Amino acid sequence: MLTKEELETFLMSDEETLNIPMAPLDSYSTLLQSIGFQEDDEIDTNSWSIDFSMYFNKGTDKLELDGSLYYGNWTLIKIK
């Protein structure tokens, strides 16, 4: 699970993506909300592997949590 400190370091960095470990999606929602991000109501999913995208925003900052519930490969992406 991504820690609050790792998340804040990523947000302050010039990096646009961060590979993160699989964890309950609610855990990531709670972590992002703890630093002021709001979860959008929209969650995109497709196919049997349940690829997903969840969106979060805080003012002009926007993030996408993207991955697969089957394969993993979770990524946190800064949206410009």
N, C-alpha and C. Protein backbone atom coordinates (compact mmCIF):
# COMPACT_ATOMS: atom_id res chain seq x y z
N MET A 1 0.85 -1.18 0.00
CA MET A 1 0.00 0.00 0.00
C MET A 1 0.89 1.24 0.00
N LEU A 2 0.52 2.20 -0.78
CA LEU A 2 1.20 3.48 -0.85
C LEU A 2 1.00 4.23 0.46
N THR A 3 2.06 4.83 0.98
CA THR A 3 1.93 5.61 2.21
C THR A 3 1.60 7.07 1.89
N LYS A 4 1.12 7.79 2.88
CA LYS A 4 0.81 9.20 2.71
C LYS A 4 2.06 9.99 2.33
N GLU A 5 3.19 9.65 2.92
CA GLU A 5 4.45 10.33 2.62
C GLU A 5 4.88 10.08 1.18
N GLU A 6 4.74 8.83 0.71
CA GLU A 6 5.09 8.51 -0.68
C GLU A 6 4.17 9.26 -1.65
N LEU A 7 2.90 9.34 -1.31
CA LEU A 7 1.94 10.05 -2.15
C LEU A 7 2.29 11.53 -2.23
N GLU A 8 2.57 12.16 -1.09
CA GLU A 8 2.91 13.58 -1.08
C GLU A 8 4.20 13.85 -1.83
N THR A 9 5.19 12.95 -1.73
CA THR A 9 6.44 13.10 -2.48
C THR A 9 6.16 13.05 -3.97
N PHE A 10 5.33 12.12 -4.41
CA PHE A 10 4.96 12.01 -5.82
C PHE A 10 4.26 13.29 -6.28
N LEU A 11 3.34 13.79 -5.50
CA LEU A 11 2.58 14.98 -5.90
C LEU A 11 3.46 16.21 -6.05
N MET A 12 4.52 16.29 -5.27
CA MET A 12 5.44 17.44 -5.33
C MET A 12 6.52 17.26 -6.38
N SER A 13 6.63 16.07 -6.95
CA SER A 13 7.69 15.78 -7.93
C SER A 13 7.26 16.17 -9.34
N ASP A 14 8.23 16.09 -10.26
CA ASP A 14 7.95 16.32 -11.67
C ASP A 14 7.46 15.07 -12.38
N GLU A 15 7.46 13.94 -11.68
CA GLU A 15 7.00 12.68 -12.27
C GLU A 15 5.51 12.78 -12.58
N GLU A 16 5.11 12.20 -13.72
CA GLU A 16 3.71 12.23 -14.10
C GLU A 16 2.96 10.95 -13.74
N THR A 17 3.70 9.84 -13.53
CA THR A 17 3.06 8.58 -13.18
C THR A 17 3.81 7.92 -12.02
N LEU A 18 3.08 7.12 -11.28
CA LEU A 18 3.65 6.37 -10.17
C LEU A 18 3.02 4.98 -10.15
N ASN A 19 3.84 3.95 -10.31
CA ASN A 19 3.34 2.58 -10.18
C ASN A 19 3.10 2.30 -8.70
N ILE A 20 1.93 1.76 -8.39
CA ILE A 20 1.58 1.51 -6.99
C ILE A 20 1.12 0.06 -6.83
N PRO A 21 1.27 -0.47 -5.62
CA PRO A 21 0.85 -1.86 -5.40
C PRO A 21 -0.67 -1.98 -5.31
N MET A 22 -1.15 -3.19 -5.65
CA MET A 22 -2.58 -3.47 -5.50
C MET A 22 -2.96 -3.41 -4.03
N ALA A 23 -4.09 -2.83 -3.76
CA ALA A 23 -4.66 -2.74 -2.42
C ALA A 23 -6.16 -2.51 -2.61
N PRO A 24 -6.95 -2.67 -1.57
CA PRO A 24 -8.37 -2.37 -1.74
C PRO A 24 -8.56 -0.95 -2.27
N LEU A 25 -9.39 -0.80 -3.29
CA LEU A 25 -9.60 0.52 -3.89
C LEU A 25 -10.05 1.54 -2.86
N ASP A 26 -10.84 1.11 -1.91
CA ASP A 26 -11.31 2.01 -0.86
C ASP A 26 -10.15 2.59 -0.06
N SER A 27 -9.07 1.81 0.10
CA SER A 27 -7.89 2.29 0.83
C SER A 27 -7.26 3.47 0.12
N TYR A 28 -7.17 3.39 -1.21
CA TYR A 28 -6.61 4.50 -1.98
C TYR A 28 -7.55 5.70 -1.98
N SER A 29 -8.85 5.46 -2.06
CA SER A 29 -9.82 6.57 -1.96
C SER A 29 -9.67 7.29 -0.63
N THR A 30 -9.57 6.54 0.44
CA THR A 30 -9.43 7.12 1.78
C THR A 30 -8.13 7.90 1.89
N LEU A 31 -7.03 7.35 1.37
CA LEU A 31 -5.74 8.02 1.42
C LEU A 31 -5.79 9.35 0.67
N LEU A 32 -6.33 9.34 -0.53
CA LEU A 32 -6.40 10.58 -1.31
C LEU A 32 -7.33 11.60 -0.65
N GLN A 33 -8.43 11.13 -0.09
CA GLN A 33 -9.34 12.04 0.60
C GLN A 33 -8.69 12.64 1.84
N SER A 34 -7.78 11.91 2.47
CA SER A 34 -7.12 12.42 3.69
C SER A 34 -6.21 13.61 3.41
N ILE A 35 -5.84 13.81 2.13
CA ILE A 35 -5.02 14.98 1.78
C ILE A 35 -5.81 15.97 0.92
N GLY A 36 -7.13 15.86 0.94
CA GLY A 36 -7.98 16.86 0.34
C GLY A 36 -8.53 16.58 -1.04
N PHE A 37 -8.23 15.42 -1.62
CA PHE A 37 -8.78 15.08 -2.93
C PHE A 37 -10.20 14.56 -2.78
N GLN A 38 -11.03 14.87 -3.76
CA GLN A 38 -12.39 14.38 -3.80
C GLN A 38 -12.50 13.37 -4.93
N GLU A 39 -13.19 12.26 -4.69
CA GLU A 39 -13.38 11.24 -5.71
C GLU A 39 -14.54 11.61 -6.62
N ASP A 40 -14.30 11.56 -7.93
CA ASP A 40 -15.39 11.77 -8.88
C ASP A 40 -16.33 10.57 -8.80
N ASP A 41 -17.58 10.78 -9.15
CA ASP A 41 -18.56 9.70 -9.11
C ASP A 41 -18.34 8.67 -10.20
N GLU A 42 -17.59 9.04 -11.23
CA GLU A 42 -17.40 8.17 -12.39
C GLU A 42 -16.26 7.18 -12.18
N ILE A 43 -16.54 5.91 -12.43
CA ILE A 43 -15.52 4.86 -12.46
C ILE A 43 -15.70 4.14 -13.79
N ASP A 44 -14.64 4.13 -14.60
CA ASP A 44 -14.70 3.43 -15.88
C ASP A 44 -14.16 2.01 -15.70
N THR A 45 -14.88 1.03 -16.25
CA THR A 45 -14.41 -0.36 -16.25
C THR A 45 -14.68 -0.95 -17.62
N ASN A 46 -13.94 -2.04 -17.94
CA ASN A 46 -14.22 -2.75 -19.17
C ASN A 46 -13.72 -4.19 -19.07
N SER A 47 -14.26 -5.04 -19.86
CA SER A 47 -13.87 -6.43 -20.10
C SER A 47 -13.83 -7.30 -18.85
N TRP A 48 -13.51 -8.54 -19.06
CA TRP A 48 -13.49 -9.53 -17.98
C TRP A 48 -12.36 -9.28 -16.99
N SER A 49 -11.29 -8.62 -17.41
CA SER A 49 -10.15 -8.38 -16.51
C SER A 49 -10.41 -7.20 -15.58
N ILE A 50 -11.53 -6.54 -15.77
CA ILE A 50 -11.95 -5.39 -14.98
C ILE A 50 -10.85 -4.34 -14.90
N ASP A 51 -10.47 -3.85 -16.09
CA ASP A 51 -9.61 -2.67 -16.14
C ASP A 51 -10.44 -1.52 -15.59
N PHE A 52 -9.82 -0.65 -14.82
CA PHE A 52 -10.59 0.44 -14.22
C PHE A 52 -9.81 1.74 -14.26
N SER A 53 -10.54 2.83 -14.18
CA SER A 53 -9.99 4.16 -14.00
C SER A 53 -10.88 4.89 -13.01
N MET A 54 -10.26 5.45 -11.98
CA MET A 54 -10.97 6.26 -10.99
C MET A 54 -10.34 7.64 -11.02
N TYR A 55 -11.15 8.66 -10.82
CA TYR A 55 -10.67 10.03 -10.95
C TYR A 55 -10.84 10.79 -9.64
N PHE A 56 -9.84 11.63 -9.33
CA PHE A 56 -9.84 12.42 -8.11
C PHE A 56 -9.42 13.84 -8.46
N ASN A 57 -9.96 14.82 -7.72
CA ASN A 57 -9.54 16.20 -7.96
C ASN A 57 -9.43 16.96 -6.66
N LYS A 58 -8.56 17.97 -6.71
CA LYS A 58 -8.34 18.88 -5.58
C LYS A 58 -8.00 20.22 -6.20
N GLY A 59 -8.99 21.11 -6.29
CA GLY A 59 -8.78 22.37 -6.99
C GLY A 59 -8.47 22.08 -8.45
N THR A 60 -7.31 22.56 -8.90
CA THR A 60 -6.92 22.32 -10.31
C THR A 60 -6.11 21.04 -10.47
N ASP A 61 -5.75 20.37 -9.38
CA ASP A 61 -5.00 19.12 -9.45
C ASP A 61 -5.96 17.96 -9.73
N LYS A 62 -5.61 17.14 -10.71
CA LYS A 62 -6.44 15.99 -11.06
C LYS A 62 -5.57 14.75 -11.15
N LEU A 63 -6.09 13.65 -10.60
CA LEU A 63 -5.38 12.38 -10.61
C LEU A 63 -6.29 11.30 -11.18
N GLU A 64 -5.65 10.31 -11.79
CA GLU A 64 -6.36 9.11 -12.27
C GLU A 64 -5.68 7.90 -11.65
N LEU A 65 -6.45 7.04 -11.03
CA LEU A 65 -5.97 5.75 -10.53
C LEU A 65 -6.42 4.72 -11.55
N ASP A 66 -5.44 4.05 -12.18
CA ASP A 66 -5.71 3.20 -13.33
C ASP A 66 -5.10 1.83 -13.08
N GLY A 67 -5.77 0.77 -13.50
CA GLY A 67 -5.20 -0.56 -13.35
C GLY A 67 -6.17 -1.65 -13.72
N SER A 68 -5.86 -2.86 -13.30
CA SER A 68 -6.69 -4.03 -13.57
C SER A 68 -6.86 -4.80 -12.27
N LEU A 69 -8.10 -5.17 -11.97
CA LEU A 69 -8.34 -5.97 -10.77
C LEU A 69 -7.84 -7.40 -10.94
N TYR A 70 -7.62 -7.82 -12.18
CA TYR A 70 -7.11 -9.17 -12.45
C TYR A 70 -5.59 -9.19 -12.56
N TYR A 71 -5.04 -8.30 -13.38
CA TYR A 71 -3.60 -8.32 -13.65
C TYR A 71 -2.78 -7.42 -12.73
N GLY A 72 -3.41 -6.44 -12.10
CA GLY A 72 -2.66 -5.49 -11.29
C GLY A 72 -2.22 -4.31 -12.15
N ASN A 73 -0.92 -4.06 -12.14
CA ASN A 73 -0.35 -2.95 -12.92
C ASN A 73 -1.06 -1.62 -12.63
N TRP A 74 -1.16 -1.28 -11.36
CA TRP A 74 -1.85 -0.08 -10.94
C TRP A 74 -0.92 1.12 -11.07
N THR A 75 -1.49 2.24 -11.54
CA THR A 75 -0.72 3.45 -11.74
C THR A 75 -1.54 4.65 -11.28
N LEU A 76 -0.86 5.56 -10.63
CA LEU A 76 -1.44 6.86 -10.28
C LEU A 76 -0.88 7.86 -11.28
N ILE A 77 -1.76 8.59 -11.96
CA ILE A 77 -1.38 9.47 -13.06
C ILE A 77 -1.83 10.90 -12.76
N LYS A 78 -0.92 11.86 -12.93
CA LYS A 78 -1.28 13.26 -12.84
C LYS A 78 -1.90 13.65 -14.19
N ILE A 79 -3.10 14.21 -14.16
CA ILE A 79 -3.78 14.64 -15.38
C ILE A 79 -3.55 16.13 -15.55
N LYS A 80 -3.09 16.50 -16.73
CA LYS A 80 -2.83 17.92 -16.99
C LYS A 80 -4.01 18.54 -17.71
